[in-house]
């Protein structure tokens, strides 16, 4: 099996759960703490392309900054 890259936030419960599942299944993991090692614009575009998603698809729509600044613009 190839190495799995997880963009991880140790303070996020879902992220910790995902990492736990990967560890339980003995996956080879590359952990990127994205708050410490912020992905570049190019990195994000590459990930979105691989996932077949648009940027709006991965936005956390319950975050206060989204609700205040972007909710009505998308």
PDB file of N, CA and C in Angstrom:
ATOM      1  N   UNK A   1       0.850  -1.180   0.000  1.00  0.00           N
ATOM      2  CA  UNK A   1       0.000   0.000   0.000  1.00  0.00           C
ATOM      3  C   UNK A   1       0.894   1.242   0.000  1.00  0.00           C
ATOM      4  N   UNK A   2       0.457   2.264  -0.713  1.00  0.00           N
ATOM      5  CA  UNK A   2       1.238   3.493  -0.768  1.00  0.00           C
ATOM      6  C   UNK A   2       1.003   4.340   0.485  1.00  0.00           C
ATOM      7  N   UNK A   3       1.899   5.272   0.691  1.00  0.00           N
ATOM      8  CA  UNK A   3       1.815   6.152   1.848  1.00  0.00           C
ATOM      9  C   UNK A   3       0.602   7.066   1.716  1.00  0.00           C
ATOM     10  N   UNK A   4      -0.108   7.254   2.808  1.00  0.00           N
ATOM     11  CA  UNK A   4      -1.277   8.124   2.856  1.00  0.00           C
ATOM     12  C   UNK A   4      -0.868   9.426   3.525  1.00  0.00           C
ATOM     13  N   UNK A   5      -1.200  10.533   2.874  1.00  0.00           N
ATOM     14  CA  UNK A   5      -0.936  11.842   3.454  1.00  0.00           C
ATOM     15  C   UNK A   5      -2.206  12.343   4.114  1.00  0.00           C
ATOM     16  N   UNK A   6      -2.099  12.726   5.374  1.00  0.00           N
ATOM     17  CA  UNK A   6      -3.243  13.298   6.083  1.00  0.00           C
ATOM     18  C   UNK A   6      -2.876  14.717   6.498  1.00  0.00           C
ATOM     19  N   UNK A   7      -3.746  15.649   6.132  1.00  0.00           N
ATOM     20  CA  UNK A   7      -3.594  17.032   6.568  1.00  0.00           C
ATOM     21  C   UNK A   7      -4.297  17.115   7.903  1.00  0.00           C
ATOM     22  N   UNK A   8      -3.522  17.206   8.958  1.00  0.00           N
ATOM     23  CA  UNK A   8      -3.980  16.947  10.314  1.00  0.00           C
ATOM     24  C   UNK A   8      -3.968  18.204  11.180  1.00  0.00           C
ATOM     25  N   UNK A   9      -5.009  18.308  12.000  1.00  0.00           N
ATOM     26  CA  UNK A   9      -5.086  19.337  13.040  1.00  0.00           C
ATOM     27  C   UNK A   9      -5.273  18.593  14.357  1.00  0.00           C
ATOM     28  N   UNK A  10      -4.245  18.516  15.200  1.00  0.00           N
ATOM     29  CA  UNK A  10      -4.332  17.756  16.443  1.00  0.00           C
ATOM     30  C   UNK A  10      -5.466  18.197  17.376  1.00  0.00           C
ATOM     31  N   UNK A  11      -5.955  19.431  17.225  1.00  0.00           N
ATOM     32  CA  UNK A  11      -7.044  19.908  18.083  1.00  0.00           C
ATOM     33  C   UNK A  11      -8.419  19.508  17.571  1.00  0.00           C
ATOM     34  N   UNK A  12      -8.482  18.929  16.370  1.00  0.00           N
ATOM     35  CA  UNK A  12      -9.754  18.568  15.747  1.00  0.00           C
ATOM     36  C   UNK A  12     -10.080  17.097  16.017  1.00  0.00           C
ATOM     37  N   UNK A  13     -11.232  16.867  16.609  1.00  0.00           N
ATOM     38  CA  UNK A  13     -11.643  15.505  16.944  1.00  0.00           C
ATOM     39  C   UNK A  13     -11.752  14.602  15.728  1.00  0.00           C
ATOM     40  N   UNK A  14     -12.325  15.103  14.648  1.00  0.00           N
ATOM     41  CA  UNK A  14     -12.466  14.290  13.422  1.00  0.00           C
ATOM     42  C   UNK A  14     -11.097  13.946  12.846  1.00  0.00           C
ATOM     43  N   UNK A  15     -10.182  14.888  12.899  1.00  0.00           N
ATOM     44  CA  UNK A  15      -8.837  14.645  12.402  1.00  0.00           C
ATOM     45  C   UNK A  15      -8.136  13.586  13.257  1.00  0.00           C
ATOM     46  N   UNK A  16      -8.294  13.680  14.572  1.00  0.00           N
ATOM     47  CA  UNK A  16      -7.704  12.666  15.468  1.00  0.00           C
ATOM     48  C   UNK A  16      -8.319  11.293  15.223  1.00  0.00           C
ATOM     49  N   UNK A  17      -9.636  11.248  14.990  1.00  0.00           N
ATOM     50  CA  UNK A  17     -10.308   9.971  14.698  1.00  0.00           C
ATOM     51  C   UNK A  17      -9.762   9.357  13.414  1.00  0.00           C
ATOM     52  N   UNK A  18      -9.632  10.179  12.377  1.00  0.00           N
ATOM     53  CA  UNK A  18      -9.110   9.686  11.100  1.00  0.00           C
ATOM     54  C   UNK A  18      -7.695   9.147  11.271  1.00  0.00           C
ATOM     55  N   UNK A  19      -6.864   9.878  11.979  1.00  0.00           N
ATOM     56  CA  UNK A  19      -5.490   9.439  12.216  1.00  0.00           C
ATOM     57  C   UNK A  19      -5.479   8.134  13.011  1.00  0.00           C
ATOM     58  N   UNK A  20      -6.366   8.032  13.999  1.00  0.00           N
ATOM     59  CA  UNK A  20      -6.479   6.798  14.780  1.00  0.00           C
ATOM     60  C   UNK A  20      -6.847   5.599  13.917  1.00  0.00           C
ATOM     61  N   UNK A  21      -7.804   5.791  13.015  1.00  0.00           N
ATOM     62  CA  UNK A  21      -8.212   4.696  12.112  1.00  0.00           C
ATOM     63  C   UNK A  21      -7.062   4.271  11.206  1.00  0.00           C
ATOM     64  N   UNK A  22      -6.342   5.237  10.701  1.00  0.00           N
ATOM     65  CA  UNK A  22      -5.193   4.912   9.852  1.00  0.00           C
ATOM     66  C   UNK A  22      -4.137   4.144  10.642  1.00  0.00           C
ATOM     67  N   UNK A  23      -3.876   4.574  11.872  1.00  0.00           N
ATOM     68  CA  UNK A  23      -2.896   3.870  12.714  1.00  0.00           C
ATOM     69  C   UNK A  23      -3.368   2.463  13.062  1.00  0.00           C
ATOM     70  N   UNK A  24      -4.653   2.313  13.402  1.00  0.00           N
ATOM     71  CA  UNK A  24      -5.208   0.991  13.732  1.00  0.00           C
ATOM     72  C   UNK A  24      -5.072   0.011  12.578  1.00  0.00           C
ATOM     73  N   UNK A  25      -5.117   0.532  11.366  1.00  0.00           N
ATOM     74  CA  UNK A  25      -5.028  -0.316  10.180  1.00  0.00           C
ATOM     75  C   UNK A  25      -3.611  -0.387   9.614  1.00  0.00           C
ATOM     76  N   UNK A  26      -2.656   0.032  10.445  1.00  0.00           N
ATOM     77  CA  UNK A  26      -1.234  -0.062  10.107  1.00  0.00           C
ATOM     78  C   UNK A  26      -0.888   0.565   8.761  1.00  0.00           C
ATOM     79  N   UNK A  27      -1.509   1.682   8.480  1.00  0.00           N
ATOM     80  CA  UNK A  27      -1.228   2.401   7.240  1.00  0.00           C
ATOM     81  C   UNK A  27       0.076   3.174   7.380  1.00  0.00           C
ATOM     82  N   UNK A  28       0.774   3.287   6.281  1.00  0.00           N
ATOM     83  CA  UNK A  28       1.965   4.132   6.249  1.00  0.00           C
ATOM     84  C   UNK A  28       1.476   5.556   6.035  1.00  0.00           C
ATOM     85  N   UNK A  29       1.765   6.437   6.988  1.00  0.00           N
ATOM     86  CA  UNK A  29       1.159   7.760   7.015  1.00  0.00           C
ATOM     87  C   UNK A  29       2.218   8.855   6.952  1.00  0.00           C
ATOM     88  N   UNK A  30       1.907   9.875   6.181  1.00  0.00           N
ATOM     89  CA  UNK A  30       2.665  11.126   6.227  1.00  0.00           C
ATOM     90  C   UNK A  30       1.714  12.156   6.818  1.00  0.00           C
ATOM     91  N   UNK A  31       2.083  12.724   7.949  1.00  0.00           N
ATOM     92  CA  UNK A  31       1.235  13.694   8.638  1.00  0.00           C
ATOM     93  C   UNK A  31       1.719  15.102   8.321  1.00  0.00           C
ATOM     94  N   UNK A  32       0.788  15.917   7.825  1.00  0.00           N
ATOM     95  CA  UNK A  32       1.079  17.323   7.567  1.00  0.00           C
ATOM     96  C   UNK A  32       0.195  18.131   8.511  1.00  0.00           C
ATOM     97  N   UNK A  33       0.795  18.760   9.502  1.00  0.00           N
ATOM     98  CA  UNK A  33       0.026  19.636  10.390  1.00  0.00           C
ATOM     99  C   UNK A  33      -0.149  20.962   9.651  1.00  0.00           C
ATOM    100  N   UNK A  34      -1.304  21.078   9.000  1.00  0.00           N
ATOM    101  CA  UNK A  34      -1.519  22.184   8.065  1.00  0.00           C
ATOM    102  C   UNK A  34      -1.574  23.561   8.711  1.00  0.00           C
ATOM    103  N   UNK A  35      -1.753  23.626  10.026  1.00  0.00           N
ATOM    104  CA  UNK A  35      -1.724  24.934  10.687  1.00  0.00           C
ATOM    105  C   UNK A  35      -0.282  25.396  10.922  1.00  0.00           C
ATOM    106  N   UNK A  36       0.642  24.441  11.010  1.00  0.00           N
ATOM    107  CA  UNK A  36       2.059  24.770  11.170  1.00  0.00           C
ATOM    108  C   UNK A  36       2.753  24.864   9.815  1.00  0.00           C
ATOM    109  N   UNK A  37       2.341  24.022   8.877  1.00  0.00           N
ATOM    110  CA  UNK A  37       2.929  23.965   7.540  1.00  0.00           C
ATOM    111  C   UNK A  37       1.818  24.241   6.533  1.00  0.00           C
ATOM    112  N   UNK A  38       1.500  25.497   6.382  1.00  0.00           N
ATOM    113  CA  UNK A  38       0.356  25.913   5.566  1.00  0.00           C
ATOM    114  C   UNK A  38       0.590  25.536   4.101  1.00  0.00           C
ATOM    115  N   UNK A  39      -0.379  24.814   3.505  1.00  0.00           N
ATOM    116  CA  UNK A  39      -0.236  24.451   2.093  1.00  0.00           C
ATOM    117  C   UNK A  39      -0.245  25.699   1.208  1.00  0.00           C
ATOM    118  N   UNK A  40       0.523  25.640   0.132  1.00  0.00           N
ATOM    119  CA  UNK A  40       0.542  26.744  -0.815  1.00  0.00           C
ATOM    120  C   UNK A  40      -0.731  26.711  -1.664  1.00  0.00           C
ATOM    121  N   UNK A  41      -0.955  27.780  -2.381  1.00  0.00           N
ATOM    122  CA  UNK A  41      -2.085  27.841  -3.303  1.00  0.00           C
ATOM    123  C   UNK A  41      -1.992  26.693  -4.316  1.00  0.00           C
ATOM    124  N   UNK A  42      -0.784  26.432  -4.791  1.00  0.00           N
ATOM    125  CA  UNK A  42      -0.566  25.337  -5.746  1.00  0.00           C
ATOM    126  C   UNK A  42      -0.902  23.992  -5.109  1.00  0.00           C
ATOM    127  N   UNK A  43      -0.481  23.768  -3.854  1.00  0.00           N
ATOM    128  CA  UNK A  43      -0.791  22.523  -3.140  1.00  0.00           C
ATOM    129  C   UNK A  43      -2.304  22.309  -3.056  1.00  0.00           C
ATOM    130  N   UNK A  44      -3.019  23.371  -2.710  1.00  0.00           N
ATOM    131  CA  UNK A  44      -4.473  23.272  -2.562  1.00  0.00           C
ATOM    132  C   UNK A  44      -5.129  22.969  -3.903  1.00  0.00           C
ATOM    133  N   UNK A  45      -4.680  23.631  -4.952  1.00  0.00           N
ATOM    134  CA  UNK A  45      -5.232  23.366  -6.283  1.00  0.00           C
ATOM    135  C   UNK A  45      -4.990  21.917  -6.691  1.00  0.00           C
ATOM    136  N   UNK A  46      -3.808  21.410  -6.399  1.00  0.00           N
ATOM    137  CA  UNK A  46      -3.476  20.022  -6.730  1.00  0.00           C
ATOM    138  C   UNK A  46      -4.384  19.061  -5.960  1.00  0.00           C
ATOM    139  N   UNK A  47      -4.565  19.305  -4.666  1.00  0.00           N
ATOM    140  CA  UNK A  47      -5.437  18.447  -3.856  1.00  0.00           C
ATOM    141  C   UNK A  47      -6.874  18.482  -4.363  1.00  0.00           C
ATOM    142  N   UNK A  48      -7.379  19.673  -4.652  1.00  0.00           N
ATOM    143  CA  UNK A  48      -8.747  19.802  -5.161  1.00  0.00           C
ATOM    144  C   UNK A  48      -8.906  19.045  -6.473  1.00  0.00           C
ATOM    145  N   UNK A  49      -7.922  19.134  -7.332  1.00  0.00           N
ATOM    146  CA  UNK A  49      -7.966  18.426  -8.610  1.00  0.00           C
ATOM    147  C   UNK A  49      -8.010  16.913  -8.395  1.00  0.00           C
ATOM    148  N   UNK A  50      -7.156  16.406  -7.497  1.00  0.00           N
ATOM    149  CA  UNK A  50      -7.129  14.968  -7.208  1.00  0.00           C
ATOM    150  C   UNK A  50      -8.452  14.489  -6.622  1.00  0.00           C
ATOM    151  N   UNK A  51      -9.092  15.349  -5.828  1.00  0.00           N
ATOM    152  CA  UNK A  51     -10.354  14.997  -5.181  1.00  0.00           C
ATOM    153  C   UNK A  51     -11.564  15.250  -6.075  1.00  0.00           C
ATOM    154  N   UNK A  52     -11.357  15.976  -7.153  1.00  0.00           N
ATOM    155  CA  UNK A  52     -12.467  16.316  -8.028  1.00  0.00           C
ATOM    156  C   UNK A  52     -13.449  17.272  -7.370  1.00  0.00           C
ATOM    157  N   UNK A  53     -12.909  18.188  -6.556  1.00  0.00           N
ATOM    158  CA  UNK A  53     -13.745  19.125  -5.810  1.00  0.00           C
ATOM    159  C   UNK A  53     -13.409  20.563  -6.175  1.00  0.00           C
ATOM    160  N   UNK A  54     -14.319  21.458  -5.813  1.00  0.00           N
ATOM    161  CA  UNK A  54     -14.085  22.896  -5.902  1.00  0.00           C
ATOM    162  C   UNK A  54     -13.741  23.391  -4.498  1.00  0.00           C
ATOM    163  N   UNK A  55     -13.117  24.542  -4.416  1.00  0.00           N
ATOM    164  CA  UNK A  55     -12.717  25.085  -3.115  1.00  0.00           C
ATOM    165  C   UNK A  55     -13.910  25.224  -2.168  1.00  0.00           C
ATOM    166  N   UNK A  56     -15.036  25.648  -2.693  1.00  0.00           N
ATOM    167  CA  UNK A  56     -16.225  25.837  -1.850  1.00  0.00           C
ATOM    168  C   UNK A  56     -16.677  24.515  -1.215  1.00  0.00           C
ATOM    169  N   UNK A  57     -16.342  23.398  -1.843  1.00  0.00           N
ATOM    170  CA  UNK A  57     -16.737  22.086  -1.322  1.00  0.00           C
ATOM    171  C   UNK A  57     -16.021  21.716  -0.025  1.00  0.00           C
ATOM    172  N   UNK A  58     -14.887  22.337   0.232  1.00  0.00           N
ATOM    173  CA  UNK A  58     -14.121  21.970   1.432  1.00  0.00           C
ATOM    174  C   UNK A  58     -14.120  23.057   2.503  1.00  0.00           C
ATOM    175  N   UNK A  59     -14.894  24.101   2.278  1.00  0.00           N
ATOM    176  CA  UNK A  59     -14.987  25.195   3.245  1.00  0.00           C
ATOM    177  C   UNK A  59     -15.847  24.773   4.428  1.00  0.00           C
ATOM    178  N   UNK A  60     -15.408  25.117   5.607  1.00  0.00           N
ATOM    179  CA  UNK A  60     -16.180  24.843   6.830  1.00  0.00           C
ATOM    180  C   UNK A  60     -17.226  25.937   6.972  1.00  0.00           C
ATOM    181  N   UNK A  61     -18.426  25.612   6.576  1.00  0.00           N
ATOM    182  CA  UNK A  61     -19.478  26.610   6.442  1.00  0.00           C
ATOM    183  C   UNK A  61     -20.145  27.020   7.755  1.00  0.00           C
ATOM    184  N   UNK A  62     -19.736  26.455   8.856  1.00  0.00           N
ATOM    185  CA  UNK A  62     -20.281  26.854  10.160  1.00  0.00           C
ATOM    186  C   UNK A  62     -19.309  27.748  10.929  1.00  0.00           C
ATOM    187  N   UNK A  63     -18.143  27.989  10.348  1.00  0.00           N
ATOM    188  CA  UNK A  63     -17.156  28.841  11.007  1.00  0.00           C
ATOM    189  C   UNK A  63     -17.629  30.291  11.007  1.00  0.00           C
ATOM    190  N   UNK A  64     -17.420  31.008  12.105  1.00  0.00           N
ATOM    191  CA  UNK A  64     -17.864  32.401  12.193  1.00  0.00           C
ATOM    192  C   UNK A  64     -17.371  33.286  11.045  1.00  0.00           C
ATOM    193  N   UNK A  65     -16.117  33.128  10.629  1.00  0.00           N
ATOM    194  CA  UNK A  65     -15.598  33.986   9.559  1.00  0.00           C
ATOM    195  C   UNK A  65     -16.344  33.737   8.247  1.00  0.00           C
ATOM    196  N   UNK A  66     -16.695  32.488   7.974  1.00  0.00           N
ATOM    197  CA  UNK A  66     -17.464  32.186   6.758  1.00  0.00           C
ATOM    198  C   UNK A  66     -18.848  32.814   6.846  1.00  0.00           C
ATOM    199  N   UNK A  67     -19.495  32.620   7.983  1.00  0.00           N
ATOM    200  CA  UNK A  67     -20.848  33.142   8.149  1.00  0.00           C
ATOM    201  C   UNK A  67     -20.877  34.666   8.046  1.00  0.00           C
ATOM    202  N   UNK A  68     -19.838  35.311   8.566  1.00  0.00           N
ATOM    203  CA  UNK A  68     -19.799  36.774   8.572  1.00  0.00           C
ATOM    204  C   UNK A  68     -19.418  37.360   7.210  1.00  0.00           C
ATOM    205  N   UNK A  69     -18.415  36.769   6.553  1.00  0.00           N
ATOM    206  CA  UNK A  69     -17.853  37.403   5.362  1.00  0.00           C
ATOM    207  C   UNK A  69     -18.237  36.770   4.032  1.00  0.00           C
ATOM    208  N   UNK A  70     -18.552  35.475   4.034  1.00  0.00           N
ATOM    209  CA  UNK A  70     -18.655  34.795   2.739  1.00  0.00           C
ATOM    210  C   UNK A  70     -19.985  34.100   2.457  1.00  0.00           C
ATOM    211  N   UNK A  71     -20.795  33.894   3.467  1.00  0.00           N
ATOM    212  CA  UNK A  71     -22.026  33.111   3.308  1.00  0.00           C
ATOM    213  C   UNK A  71     -22.877  33.570   2.128  1.00  0.00           C
ATOM    214  N   UNK A  72     -23.088  34.858   2.002  1.00  0.00           N
ATOM    215  CA  UNK A  72     -23.973  35.373   0.971  1.00  0.00           C
ATOM    216  C   UNK A  72     -23.286  35.610  -0.376  1.00  0.00           C
ATOM    217  N   UNK A  73     -21.972  35.406  -0.437  1.00  0.00           N
ATOM    218  CA  UNK A  73     -21.262  35.681  -1.681  1.00  0.00           C
ATOM    219  C   UNK A  73     -21.052  34.426  -2.534  1.00  0.00           C
ATOM    220  N   UNK A  74     -21.391  33.268  -1.989  1.00  0.00           N
ATOM    221  CA  UNK A  74     -21.171  32.023  -2.730  1.00  0.00           C
ATOM    222  C   UNK A  74     -22.504  31.428  -3.147  1.00  0.00           C
TER     223      UNK A  74
END
